[in-house]
């Protein structure tokens, strides 16, 4: 369906092997008022909505020269999305000021990052979380940990501790769930967040001809727990599923998927990058930050582009990007 118009009628598609790679969406945990008052960042449309509402807020502030106080933005969720967005907002303010938004400085912006757990970036080592927390604090971001949001309204967020966090703009980036339609899908087992439960071979528990990979799959780990919903896990799962499908077609034994954590990097806008590298090269976990981390972060992005587009097209994209940085504004104002 697109704008209420039926594009393709309902139909059946036959298959020998089916791979479910449906990704995930934000999980509001049925918190009252969140759907009505918070912005999610699950797709480009929602990102553009956030972008436009943010610019409108800053424009109003600039026009009134701060007569209405500061611009308050609250972000719920201390994962990579929430942390990176918190830092990037301060970079956006800096750029907007250079484009003539009067009176708009970092002092005019109040960013509150709310995390229900004990620390931000809970999927990363504690020292990485501490480094990111420290960098955000330096930028002026108010970081609240062990703070659970119980409801949201037009003016802000209510917390379990009784605090009311005023906000002109609220973003919900706390937790994930698989698409809702999977909850009621027939013939397959799902968990409480709609993920398809799979065997270690990535085959669904009730149909060996259906595989599930990525965020929509709940895959157990030998040491306990489940594979985390991360990009590197989805990439590894895709390779494993492909090999197992070929093995299944040729009557060969299937291999269990084993998650390998190669580390993570979190970009704190142009200000800093922190992360950890894990693997044979580092013989364990090695924390990196600053310019080295930034270089690795960009390199990984380029490797992803090469995998999708090839070396030649990626080279052209890099060239166009370099030219655009010179002739175009660094921040899109529409």
C-alpha atoms as a PDB file:
ATOM      1  CA  UNK A   1       0.000   0.000   0.000  1.00  0.00           C
ATOM      2  CA  UNK A   2       1.242   3.490  -0.857  1.00  0.00           C
ATOM      3  CA  UNK A   3      -0.844   6.487   0.243  1.00  0.00           C
ATOM      4  CA  UNK A   4      -3.866   4.197   0.509  1.00  0.00           C
ATOM      5  CA  UNK A   5      -3.481   2.938  -3.061  1.00  0.00           C
ATOM      6  CA  UNK A   6      -3.096  -0.793  -3.695  1.00  0.00           C
ATOM      7  CA  UNK A   7      -0.055  -1.275  -5.918  1.00  0.00           C
ATOM      8  CA  UNK A   8       0.049  -5.067  -6.189  1.00  0.00           C
ATOM      9  CA  UNK A   9      -2.860  -7.415  -5.416  1.00  0.00           C
ATOM     10  CA  UNK A  10      -2.523 -10.255  -2.921  1.00  0.00           C
ATOM     11  CA  UNK A  11      -0.874 -13.299  -4.470  1.00  0.00           C
ATOM     12  CA  UNK A  12       1.035 -16.476  -3.635  1.00  0.00           C
ATOM     13  CA  UNK A  13       4.707 -16.993  -4.483  1.00  0.00           C
ATOM     14  CA  UNK A  14       6.091 -20.519  -4.497  1.00  0.00           C
ATOM     15  CA  UNK A  15       9.536 -21.215  -3.060  1.00  0.00           C
ATOM     16  CA  UNK A  16      11.911 -24.055  -2.280  1.00  0.00           C
ATOM     17  CA  UNK A  17      13.904 -22.057   0.270  1.00  0.00           C
ATOM     18  CA  UNK A  18      12.833 -18.805   1.909  1.00  0.00           C
ATOM     19  CA  UNK A  19      15.118 -16.324   3.673  1.00  0.00           C
ATOM     20  CA  UNK A  20      13.521 -13.828   6.063  1.00  0.00           C
ATOM     21  CA  UNK A  21      15.697 -10.717   6.364  1.00  0.00           C
ATOM     22  CA  UNK A  22      13.134  -8.156   7.503  1.00  0.00           C
ATOM     23  CA  UNK A  23      15.224  -6.069   9.876  1.00  0.00           C
ATOM     24  CA  UNK A  24      13.678  -4.356  12.890  1.00  0.00           C
ATOM     25  CA  UNK A  25      11.822  -1.260  14.044  1.00  0.00           C
ATOM     26  CA  UNK A  26      11.949   0.788  17.230  1.00  0.00           C
ATOM     27  CA  UNK A  27      10.270  -0.751  20.266  1.00  0.00           C
ATOM     28  CA  UNK A  28       8.251   1.710  22.339  1.00  0.00           C
ATOM     29  CA  UNK A  29       7.364  -1.035  24.869  1.00  0.00           C
ATOM     30  CA  UNK A  30       3.760   0.257  24.734  1.00  0.00           C
ATOM     31  CA  UNK A  31       4.814   3.318  26.722  1.00  0.00           C
ATOM     32  CA  UNK A  32       1.833   5.733  26.835  1.00  0.00           C
ATOM     33  CA  UNK A  33       2.141   8.771  24.589  1.00  0.00           C
ATOM     34  CA  UNK A  34       5.315   7.699  22.791  1.00  0.00           C
ATOM     35  CA  UNK A  35       3.749   6.936  19.397  1.00  0.00           C
ATOM     36  CA  UNK A  36       1.869  10.234  19.429  1.00  0.00           C
ATOM     37  CA  UNK A  37       4.635  12.536  20.648  1.00  0.00           C
ATOM     38  CA  UNK A  38       8.033  11.007  19.820  1.00  0.00           C
ATOM     39  CA  UNK A  39       9.831  10.647  16.518  1.00  0.00           C
ATOM     40  CA  UNK A  40      11.311   7.296  15.527  1.00  0.00           C
ATOM     41  CA  UNK A  41      14.259   6.930  13.171  1.00  0.00           C
ATOM     42  CA  UNK A  42      13.422   3.674  11.412  1.00  0.00           C
ATOM     43  CA  UNK A  43      13.342   4.980   7.835  1.00  0.00           C
ATOM     44  CA  UNK A  44      14.316   7.992   5.673  1.00  0.00           C
ATOM     45  CA  UNK A  45      10.838   9.533   5.951  1.00  0.00           C
ATOM     46  CA  UNK A  46      11.078   9.670   9.748  1.00  0.00           C
ATOM     47  CA  UNK A  47      14.627  11.026   9.549  1.00  0.00           C
ATOM     48  CA  UNK A  48      13.486  13.816   7.225  1.00  0.00           C
ATOM     49  CA  UNK A  49      10.639  14.618   9.611  1.00  0.00           C
ATOM     50  CA  UNK A  50      13.095  14.955  12.488  1.00  0.00           C
ATOM     51  CA  UNK A  51      15.380  17.087  10.318  1.00  0.00           C
ATOM     52  CA  UNK A  52      12.561  19.465   9.385  1.00  0.00           C
ATOM     53  CA  UNK A  53      11.163  19.795  12.903  1.00  0.00           C
ATOM     54  CA  UNK A  54      14.644  20.433  14.273  1.00  0.00           C
ATOM     55  CA  UNK A  55      15.249  23.216  11.736  1.00  0.00           C
ATOM     56  CA  UNK A  56      11.851  24.747  12.513  1.00  0.00           C
ATOM     57  CA  UNK A  57      12.696  24.837  16.219  1.00  0.00           C
ATOM     58  CA  UNK A  58      16.030  26.511  15.611  1.00  0.00           C
ATOM     59  CA  UNK A  59      14.446  28.992  13.193  1.00  0.00           C
ATOM     60  CA  UNK A  60      11.842  29.990  15.783  1.00  0.00           C
ATOM     61  CA  UNK A  61      14.561  30.407  18.389  1.00  0.00           C
ATOM     62  CA  UNK A  62      16.654  32.529  16.037  1.00  0.00           C
ATOM     63  CA  UNK A  63      13.681  34.717  15.050  1.00  0.00           C
ATOM     64  CA  UNK A  64      12.819  35.398  18.697  1.00  0.00           C
ATOM     65  CA  UNK A  65      16.481  35.672  19.692  1.00  0.00           C
ATOM     66  CA  UNK A  66      15.959  33.255  22.555  1.00  0.00           C
ATOM     67  CA  UNK A  67      12.933  34.981  24.034  1.00  0.00           C
ATOM     68  CA  UNK A  68      11.284  31.619  24.615  1.00  0.00           C
ATOM     69  CA  UNK A  69      14.250  30.109  26.435  1.00  0.00           C
ATOM     70  CA  UNK A  70      16.395  27.287  25.137  1.00  0.00           C
ATOM     71  CA  UNK A  71      15.699  24.608  22.560  1.00  0.00           C
ATOM     72  CA  UNK A  72      15.104  21.378  24.479  1.00  0.00           C
ATOM     73  CA  UNK A  73      15.627  18.059  22.711  1.00  0.00           C
ATOM     74  CA  UNK A  74      15.264  14.722  24.509  1.00  0.00           C
ATOM     75  CA  UNK A  75      16.546  11.423  23.139  1.00  0.00           C
ATOM     76  CA  UNK A  76      15.433   8.157  24.721  1.00  0.00           C
ATOM     77  CA  UNK A  77      17.877   5.302  24.258  1.00  0.00           C
ATOM     78  CA  UNK A  78      21.583   5.259  25.007  1.00  0.00           C
ATOM     79  CA  UNK A  79      22.600   2.953  22.175  1.00  0.00           C
ATOM     80  CA  UNK A  80      24.712   3.962  19.197  1.00  0.00           C
ATOM     81  CA  UNK A  81      21.839   5.861  17.539  1.00  0.00           C
ATOM     82  CA  UNK A  82      21.044   7.969  20.600  1.00  0.00           C
ATOM     83  CA  UNK A  83      24.679   8.667  21.427  1.00  0.00           C
ATOM     84  CA  UNK A  84      25.664   9.665  17.891  1.00  0.00           C
ATOM     85  CA  UNK A  85      22.581  11.855  17.448  1.00  0.00           C
ATOM     86  CA  UNK A  86      23.218  13.639  20.760  1.00  0.00           C
ATOM     87  CA  UNK A  87      26.685  14.639  19.611  1.00  0.00           C
ATOM     88  CA  UNK A  88      25.641  15.527  16.070  1.00  0.00           C
ATOM     89  CA  UNK A  89      23.026  18.013  17.304  1.00  0.00           C
ATOM     90  CA  UNK A  90      25.750  20.224  18.724  1.00  0.00           C
ATOM     91  CA  UNK A  91      27.604  20.103  15.418  1.00  0.00           C
ATOM     92  CA  UNK A  92      24.366  21.099  13.658  1.00  0.00           C
ATOM     93  CA  UNK A  93      23.987  24.126  15.936  1.00  0.00           C
ATOM     94  CA  UNK A  94      27.518  25.218  15.083  1.00  0.00           C
ATOM     95  CA  UNK A  95      26.806  24.957  11.359  1.00  0.00           C
ATOM     96  CA  UNK A  96      23.446  26.747  11.609  1.00  0.00           C
ATOM     97  CA  UNK A  97      25.081  29.622  13.458  1.00  0.00           C
ATOM     98  CA  UNK A  98      27.565  30.024  10.610  1.00  0.00           C
ATOM     99  CA  UNK A  99      24.630  30.221   8.164  1.00  0.00           C
ATOM    100  CA  UNK A 100      23.117  33.208   9.921  1.00  0.00           C
ATOM    101  CA  UNK A 101      20.837  31.739  12.591  1.00  0.00           C
ATOM    102  CA  UNK A 102      21.127  34.635  15.027  1.00  0.00           C
ATOM    103  CA  UNK A 103      21.891  33.911  18.643  1.00  0.00           C
ATOM    104  CA  UNK A 104      22.080  30.178  18.033  1.00  0.00           C
ATOM    105  CA  UNK A 105      24.981  28.703  19.979  1.00  0.00           C
ATOM    106  CA  UNK A 106      25.535  25.511  21.941  1.00  0.00           C
ATOM    107  CA  UNK A 107      24.397  27.405  25.036  1.00  0.00           C
ATOM    108  CA  UNK A 108      20.976  27.738  23.383  1.00  0.00           C
ATOM    109  CA  UNK A 109      20.599  23.976  23.109  1.00  0.00           C
ATOM    110  CA  UNK A 110      19.618  21.540  25.855  1.00  0.00           C
ATOM    111  CA  UNK A 111      20.086  17.906  24.852  1.00  0.00           C
ATOM    112  CA  UNK A 112      19.051  15.198  27.309  1.00  0.00           C
ATOM    113  CA  UNK A 113      19.976  11.577  26.628  1.00  0.00           C
ATOM    114  CA  UNK A 114      17.898   9.108  28.651  1.00  0.00           C
ATOM    115  CA  UNK A 115      18.997   5.501  29.192  1.00  0.00           C
ATOM    116  CA  UNK A 116      17.164   2.963  31.354  1.00  0.00           C
ATOM    117  CA  UNK A 117      20.273   0.844  31.922  1.00  0.00           C
ATOM    118  CA  UNK A 118      23.282   1.458  34.124  1.00  0.00           C
ATOM    119  CA  UNK A 119      25.344   2.981  31.309  1.00  0.00           C
ATOM    120  CA  UNK A 120      25.088   4.192  27.737  1.00  0.00           C
ATOM    121  CA  UNK A 121      26.290   1.898  24.937  1.00  0.00           C
ATOM    122  CA  UNK A 122      25.526  -1.207  27.012  1.00  0.00           C
ATOM    123  CA  UNK A 123      26.566  -3.522  24.166  1.00  0.00           C
ATOM    124  CA  UNK A 124      30.133  -2.173  24.284  1.00  0.00           C
ATOM    125  CA  UNK A 125      32.839  -2.601  26.942  1.00  0.00           C
ATOM    126  CA  UNK A 126      32.423  -0.360  30.027  1.00  0.00           C
ATOM    127  CA  UNK A 127      35.531   1.688  29.228  1.00  0.00           C
ATOM    128  CA  UNK A 128      34.076   2.595  25.815  1.00  0.00           C
ATOM    129  CA  UNK A 129      30.815   3.627  27.471  1.00  0.00           C
ATOM    130  CA  UNK A 130      32.710   5.748  29.989  1.00  0.00           C
ATOM    131  CA  UNK A 131      34.719   7.464  27.243  1.00  0.00           C
ATOM    132  CA  UNK A 132      31.584   8.261  25.245  1.00  0.00           C
ATOM    133  CA  UNK A 133      29.783   9.478  28.379  1.00  0.00           C
ATOM    134  CA  UNK A 134      32.701  11.792  29.124  1.00  0.00           C
ATOM    135  CA  UNK A 135      32.767  13.189  25.568  1.00  0.00           C
ATOM    136  CA  UNK A 136      29.025  13.869  25.591  1.00  0.00           C
ATOM    137  CA  UNK A 137      29.280  15.627  28.942  1.00  0.00           C
ATOM    138  CA  UNK A 138      32.024  17.862  27.548  1.00  0.00           C
ATOM    139  CA  UNK A 139      29.711  18.793  24.685  1.00  0.00           C
ATOM    140  CA  UNK A 140      27.020  19.799  27.160  1.00  0.00           C
ATOM    141  CA  UNK A 141      24.733  16.786  26.755  1.00  0.00           C
ATOM    142  CA  UNK A 142      22.860  15.839  29.919  1.00  0.00           C
ATOM    143  CA  UNK A 143      23.180  12.065  30.228  1.00  0.00           C
ATOM    144  CA  UNK A 144      20.684  10.298  32.492  1.00  0.00           C
ATOM    145  CA  UNK A 145      21.267   6.604  33.181  1.00  0.00           C
ATOM    146  CA  UNK A 146      19.058   4.239  35.196  1.00  0.00           C
ATOM    147  CA  UNK A 147      16.158   6.462  34.175  1.00  0.00           C
ATOM    148  CA  UNK A 148      13.016   4.809  32.837  1.00  0.00           C
ATOM    149  CA  UNK A 149      10.479   6.783  30.822  1.00  0.00           C
ATOM    150  CA  UNK A 150       6.931   5.939  31.889  1.00  0.00           C
ATOM    151  CA  UNK A 151       4.996   8.210  29.526  1.00  0.00           C
ATOM    152  CA  UNK A 152       5.285  11.082  27.074  1.00  0.00           C
ATOM    153  CA  UNK A 153       3.096  14.071  26.319  1.00  0.00           C
ATOM    154  CA  UNK A 154       3.298  17.148  24.098  1.00  0.00           C
ATOM    155  CA  UNK A 155       5.630  18.935  26.478  1.00  0.00           C
ATOM    156  CA  UNK A 156       8.072  16.232  27.499  1.00  0.00           C
ATOM    157  CA  UNK A 157       8.783  12.935  29.204  1.00  0.00           C
ATOM    158  CA  UNK A 158       7.685  11.529  32.551  1.00  0.00           C
ATOM    159  CA  UNK A 159      10.164   9.245  34.324  1.00  0.00           C
ATOM    160  CA  UNK A 160       9.730   6.517  36.909  1.00  0.00           C
ATOM    161  CA  UNK A 161      11.571   8.692  39.442  1.00  0.00           C
ATOM    162  CA  UNK A 162       8.923  11.386  39.122  1.00  0.00           C
ATOM    163  CA  UNK A 163      11.028  13.791  37.054  1.00  0.00           C
ATOM    164  CA  UNK A 164       9.491  15.628  34.133  1.00  0.00           C
ATOM    165  CA  UNK A 165      11.924  16.278  31.288  1.00  0.00           C
ATOM    166  CA  UNK A 166      10.690  19.206  29.216  1.00  0.00           C
ATOM    167  CA  UNK A 167      11.311  18.809  25.506  1.00  0.00           C
ATOM    168  CA  UNK A 168      10.343  20.638  22.329  1.00  0.00           C
ATOM    169  CA  UNK A 169      11.397  17.629  20.280  1.00  0.00           C
ATOM    170  CA  UNK A 170      11.582  13.995  21.412  1.00  0.00           C
ATOM    171  CA  UNK A 171      13.289  11.069  19.706  1.00  0.00           C
ATOM    172  CA  UNK A 172      12.681   7.446  20.695  1.00  0.00           C
ATOM    173  CA  UNK A 173      15.676   5.192  19.986  1.00  0.00           C
ATOM    174  CA  UNK A 174      15.300   2.667  22.807  1.00  0.00           C
ATOM    175  CA  UNK A 175      15.228  -0.984  21.898  1.00  0.00           C
ATOM    176  CA  UNK A 176      14.183  -2.885  18.786  1.00  0.00           C
ATOM    177  CA  UNK A 177      11.564  -5.383  17.730  1.00  0.00           C
ATOM    178  CA  UNK A 178      10.920  -7.303  14.541  1.00  0.00           C
ATOM    179  CA  UNK A 179       8.024  -6.099  12.327  1.00  0.00           C
ATOM    180  CA  UNK A 180       4.647  -6.501  14.014  1.00  0.00           C
ATOM    181  CA  UNK A 181       3.162  -8.747  11.332  1.00  0.00           C
ATOM    182  CA  UNK A 182       5.577 -11.526  12.312  1.00  0.00           C
ATOM    183  CA  UNK A 183       3.814 -11.823  15.666  1.00  0.00           C
ATOM    184  CA  UNK A 184       0.798 -13.404  14.016  1.00  0.00           C
ATOM    185  CA  UNK A 185       2.541 -15.260  11.209  1.00  0.00           C
ATOM    186  CA  UNK A 186       1.327 -18.823  10.950  1.00  0.00           C
ATOM    187  CA  UNK A 187       3.527 -21.894  11.219  1.00  0.00           C
ATOM    188  CA  UNK A 188       6.605 -20.200  12.674  1.00  0.00           C
ATOM    189  CA  UNK A 189       7.786 -19.631  16.249  1.00  0.00           C
ATOM    190  CA  UNK A 190       8.352 -16.059  17.425  1.00  0.00           C
ATOM    191  CA  UNK A 191       9.509 -14.505  20.693  1.00  0.00           C
ATOM    192  CA  UNK A 192       8.122 -11.587  22.713  1.00  0.00           C
ATOM    193  CA  UNK A 193       9.652  -8.986  20.357  1.00  0.00           C
ATOM    194  CA  UNK A 194       8.330 -10.705  17.230  1.00  0.00           C
ATOM    195  CA  UNK A 195      11.673 -12.213  16.212  1.00  0.00           C
ATOM    196  CA  UNK A 196      11.647 -15.567  14.431  1.00  0.00           C
ATOM    197  CA  UNK A 197      13.228 -18.209  16.652  1.00  0.00           C
ATOM    198  CA  UNK A 198      15.926 -20.086  14.733  1.00  0.00           C
ATOM    199  CA  UNK A 199      18.196 -23.065  15.220  1.00  0.00           C
ATOM    200  CA  UNK A 200      21.986 -22.530  15.357  1.00  0.00           C
ATOM    201  CA  UNK A 201      21.946 -23.298  11.612  1.00  0.00           C
ATOM    202  CA  UNK A 202      19.668 -20.225  11.127  1.00  0.00           C
ATOM    203  CA  UNK A 203      16.756 -22.433  10.063  1.00  0.00           C
ATOM    204  CA  UNK A 204      13.465 -21.573  11.736  1.00  0.00           C
ATOM    205  CA  UNK A 205      12.469 -24.029  14.444  1.00  0.00           C
ATOM    206  CA  UNK A 206       9.291 -25.193  12.702  1.00  0.00           C
ATOM    207  CA  UNK A 207      10.331 -25.202   9.044  1.00  0.00           C
ATOM    208  CA  UNK A 208      13.860 -26.191   7.922  1.00  0.00           C
ATOM    209  CA  UNK A 209      13.277 -24.615   4.497  1.00  0.00           C
ATOM    210  CA  UNK A 210      12.820 -21.146   6.010  1.00  0.00           C
ATOM    211  CA  UNK A 211      15.858 -19.237   7.263  1.00  0.00           C
ATOM    212  CA  UNK A 212      15.917 -15.990   9.246  1.00  0.00           C
ATOM    213  CA  UNK A 213      18.875 -13.626   9.526  1.00  0.00           C
ATOM    214  CA  UNK A 214      19.619 -10.208  10.979  1.00  0.00           C
ATOM    215  CA  UNK A 215      17.536  -8.297  13.499  1.00  0.00           C
ATOM    216  CA  UNK A 216      14.385 -10.329  12.792  1.00  0.00           C
ATOM    217  CA  UNK A 217      16.081 -13.558  13.968  1.00  0.00           C
ATOM    218  CA  UNK A 218      16.447 -14.797  17.540  1.00  0.00           C
ATOM    219  CA  UNK A 219      19.542 -16.984  17.391  1.00  0.00           C
ATOM    220  CA  UNK A 220      20.927 -18.667  20.547  1.00  0.00           C
ATOM    221  CA  UNK A 221      24.640 -18.570  21.367  1.00  0.00           C
ATOM    222  CA  UNK A 222      26.512 -21.645  22.693  1.00  0.00           C
ATOM    223  CA  UNK A 223      27.718 -19.736  25.754  1.00  0.00           C
ATOM    224  CA  UNK A 224      24.207 -18.522  26.536  1.00  0.00           C
ATOM    225  CA  UNK A 225      22.147 -15.553  25.489  1.00  0.00           C
ATOM    226  CA  UNK A 226      21.349 -14.540  21.943  1.00  0.00           C
ATOM    227  CA  UNK A 227      23.139 -12.965  19.001  1.00  0.00           C
ATOM    228  CA  UNK A 228      22.910  -9.151  19.350  1.00  0.00           C
ATOM    229  CA  UNK A 229      21.031  -7.120  16.713  1.00  0.00           C
ATOM    230  CA  UNK A 230      24.100  -5.569  15.101  1.00  0.00           C
ATOM    231  CA  UNK A 231      25.167  -4.975  11.510  1.00  0.00           C
ATOM    232  CA  UNK A 232      28.210  -7.215  11.735  1.00  0.00           C
ATOM    233  CA  UNK A 233      26.039 -10.054  13.042  1.00  0.00           C
ATOM    234  CA  UNK A 234      23.638  -9.675  10.098  1.00  0.00           C
ATOM    235  CA  UNK A 235      26.571  -9.711   7.666  1.00  0.00           C
ATOM    236  CA  UNK A 236      27.967 -12.878   9.212  1.00  0.00           C
ATOM    237  CA  UNK A 237      24.528 -14.503   9.278  1.00  0.00           C
ATOM    238  CA  UNK A 238      24.036 -13.814   5.575  1.00  0.00           C
ATOM    239  CA  UNK A 239      27.254 -15.645   4.723  1.00  0.00           C
ATOM    240  CA  UNK A 240      26.380 -18.575   6.988  1.00  0.00           C
ATOM    241  CA  UNK A 241      22.835 -18.847   5.611  1.00  0.00           C
ATOM    242  CA  UNK A 242      24.094 -18.804   2.021  1.00  0.00           C
ATOM    243  CA  UNK A 243      26.580 -21.599   2.734  1.00  0.00           C
ATOM    244  CA  UNK A 244      23.962 -23.652   4.578  1.00  0.00           C
ATOM    245  CA  UNK A 245      21.421 -23.285   1.781  1.00  0.00           C
ATOM    246  CA  UNK A 246      23.989 -24.543  -0.732  1.00  0.00           C
ATOM    247  CA  UNK A 247      24.880 -27.407   1.607  1.00  0.00           C
ATOM    248  CA  UNK A 248      21.199 -28.265   2.075  1.00  0.00           C
ATOM    249  CA  UNK A 249      20.663 -28.341  -1.700  1.00  0.00           C
ATOM    250  CA  UNK A 250      23.610 -30.713  -2.134  1.00  0.00           C
ATOM    251  CA  UNK A 251      22.698 -32.982   0.764  1.00  0.00           C
ATOM    252  CA  UNK A 252      25.696 -31.947   2.854  1.00  0.00           C
ATOM    253  CA  UNK A 253      25.714 -31.259   6.629  1.00  0.00           C
ATOM    254  CA  UNK A 254      24.899 -27.726   7.749  1.00  0.00           C
ATOM    255  CA  UNK A 255      27.147 -25.654   9.990  1.00  0.00           C
ATOM    256  CA  UNK A 256      26.094 -23.754  13.094  1.00  0.00           C
ATOM    257  CA  UNK A 257      26.380 -19.992  13.011  1.00  0.00           C
ATOM    258  CA  UNK A 258      28.942 -18.568  15.431  1.00  0.00           C
ATOM    259  CA  UNK A 259      28.873 -14.856  16.156  1.00  0.00           C
ATOM    260  CA  UNK A 260      32.284 -13.199  16.085  1.00  0.00           C
ATOM    261  CA  UNK A 261      32.527  -9.750  17.635  1.00  0.00           C
ATOM    262  CA  UNK A 262      35.061  -7.709  15.681  1.00  0.00           C
ATOM    263  CA  UNK A 263      34.498  -4.622  17.796  1.00  0.00           C
ATOM    264  CA  UNK A 264      32.433  -1.463  17.414  1.00  0.00           C
ATOM    265  CA  UNK A 265      32.946   2.208  16.681  1.00  0.00           C
ATOM    266  CA  UNK A 266      30.730   5.116  17.708  1.00  0.00           C
ATOM    267  CA  UNK A 267      31.079   8.458  15.954  1.00  0.00           C
ATOM    268  CA  UNK A 268      30.588  11.509  18.141  1.00  0.00           C
ATOM    269  CA  UNK A 269      30.126  13.783  15.128  1.00  0.00           C
ATOM    270  CA  UNK A 270      33.185  15.743  14.038  1.00  0.00           C
ATOM    271  CA  UNK A 271      34.289  15.976  17.634  1.00  0.00           C
ATOM    272  CA  UNK A 272      35.499  12.472  18.408  1.00  0.00           C
ATOM    273  CA  UNK A 273      35.172   8.759  17.711  1.00  0.00           C
ATOM    274  CA  UNK A 274      35.522   5.974  20.250  1.00  0.00           C
ATOM    275  CA  UNK A 275      35.412   2.234  19.919  1.00  0.00           C
ATOM    276  CA  UNK A 276      37.071  -1.117  20.336  1.00  0.00           C
ATOM    277  CA  UNK A 277      38.720  -3.559  17.971  1.00  0.00           C
ATOM    278  CA  UNK A 278      38.615  -7.274  18.632  1.00  0.00           C
ATOM    279  CA  UNK A 279      40.230 -10.187  16.823  1.00  0.00           C
ATOM    280  CA  UNK A 280      43.470 -11.956  16.035  1.00  0.00           C
ATOM    281  CA  UNK A 281      45.317  -8.741  15.264  1.00  0.00           C
ATOM    282  CA  UNK A 282      44.667  -7.182  18.668  1.00  0.00           C
ATOM    283  CA  UNK A 283      44.674 -10.507  20.596  1.00  0.00           C
ATOM    284  CA  UNK A 284      41.628  -9.481  22.576  1.00  0.00           C
ATOM    285  CA  UNK A 285      39.925  -6.112  22.878  1.00  0.00           C
ATOM    286  CA  UNK A 286      41.749  -2.851  22.211  1.00  0.00           C
ATOM    287  CA  UNK A 287      40.195   0.533  22.854  1.00  0.00           C
ATOM    288  CA  UNK A 288      40.799   3.196  20.222  1.00  0.00           C
ATOM    289  CA  UNK A 289      39.704   6.808  20.078  1.00  0.00           C
ATOM    290  CA  UNK A 290      40.492  10.119  18.446  1.00  0.00           C
ATOM    291  CA  UNK A 291      41.930  10.330  14.935  1.00  0.00           C
ATOM    292  CA  UNK A 292      42.795   6.648  14.689  1.00  0.00           C
ATOM    293  CA  UNK A 293      39.242   5.648  15.588  1.00  0.00           C
ATOM    294  CA  UNK A 294      37.879   8.223  13.143  1.00  0.00           C
ATOM    295  CA  UNK A 295      40.073   6.836  10.360  1.00  0.00           C
ATOM    296  CA  UNK A 296      38.933   3.267  11.064  1.00  0.00           C
ATOM    297  CA  UNK A 297      35.286   4.414  11.199  1.00  0.00           C
ATOM    298  CA  UNK A 298      35.511   6.039   7.761  1.00  0.00           C
ATOM    299  CA  UNK A 299      37.480   3.093   6.357  1.00  0.00           C
ATOM    300  CA  UNK A 300      34.765   0.650   7.423  1.00  0.00           C
ATOM    301  CA  UNK A 301      32.170   2.834   5.725  1.00  0.00           C
ATOM    302  CA  UNK A 302      34.204   2.823   2.508  1.00  0.00           C
ATOM    303  CA  UNK A 303      34.572  -0.959   2.687  1.00  0.00           C
ATOM    304  CA  UNK A 304      30.788  -1.226   2.940  1.00  0.00           C
ATOM    305  CA  UNK A 305      30.392   1.005  -0.131  1.00  0.00           C
ATOM    306  CA  UNK A 306      32.903  -1.106  -2.062  1.00  0.00           C
ATOM    307  CA  UNK A 307      31.004  -4.277  -1.181  1.00  0.00           C
ATOM    308  CA  UNK A 308      27.788  -2.721  -2.529  1.00  0.00           C
ATOM    309  CA  UNK A 309      29.021  -0.711  -5.519  1.00  0.00           C
ATOM    310  CA  UNK A 310      32.529  -1.908  -6.390  1.00  0.00           C
ATOM    311  CA  UNK A 311      35.832  -0.010  -6.395  1.00  0.00           C
ATOM    312  CA  UNK A 312      35.213   2.175  -9.453  1.00  0.00           C
ATOM    313  CA  UNK A 313      31.802   3.509  -8.437  1.00  0.00           C
ATOM    314  CA  UNK A 314      32.947   3.990  -4.835  1.00  0.00           C
ATOM    315  CA  UNK A 315      35.913   6.010  -6.117  1.00  0.00           C
ATOM    316  CA  UNK A 316      33.543   8.216  -8.109  1.00  0.00           C
ATOM    317  CA  UNK A 317      31.307   8.652  -5.073  1.00  0.00           C
ATOM    318  CA  UNK A 318      34.306   9.726  -2.998  1.00  0.00           C
ATOM    319  CA  UNK A 319      35.310  12.231  -5.697  1.00  0.00           C
ATOM    320  CA  UNK A 320      31.797  13.676  -5.905  1.00  0.00           C
ATOM    321  CA  UNK A 321      31.668  13.874  -2.111  1.00  0.00           C
ATOM    322  CA  UNK A 322      34.931  15.824  -2.022  1.00  0.00           C
ATOM    323  CA  UNK A 323      33.640  18.286  -4.619  1.00  0.00           C
ATOM    324  CA  UNK A 324      30.318  18.714  -2.829  1.00  0.00           C
ATOM    325  CA  UNK A 325      32.090  19.536   0.430  1.00  0.00           C
ATOM    326  CA  UNK A 326      33.601  22.535  -1.340  1.00  0.00           C
ATOM    327  CA  UNK A 327      30.635  23.825  -3.343  1.00  0.00           C
ATOM    328  CA  UNK A 328      27.689  22.857  -1.151  1.00  0.00           C
ATOM    329  CA  UNK A 329      26.704  23.904   2.377  1.00  0.00           C
ATOM    330  CA  UNK A 330      27.648  21.363   5.044  1.00  0.00           C
ATOM    331  CA  UNK A 331      24.119  21.350   6.424  1.00  0.00           C
ATOM    332  CA  UNK A 332      20.916  20.914   4.444  1.00  0.00           C
ATOM    333  CA  UNK A 333      18.577  23.782   5.307  1.00  0.00           C
ATOM    334  CA  UNK A 334      15.400  22.543   3.605  1.00  0.00           C
END
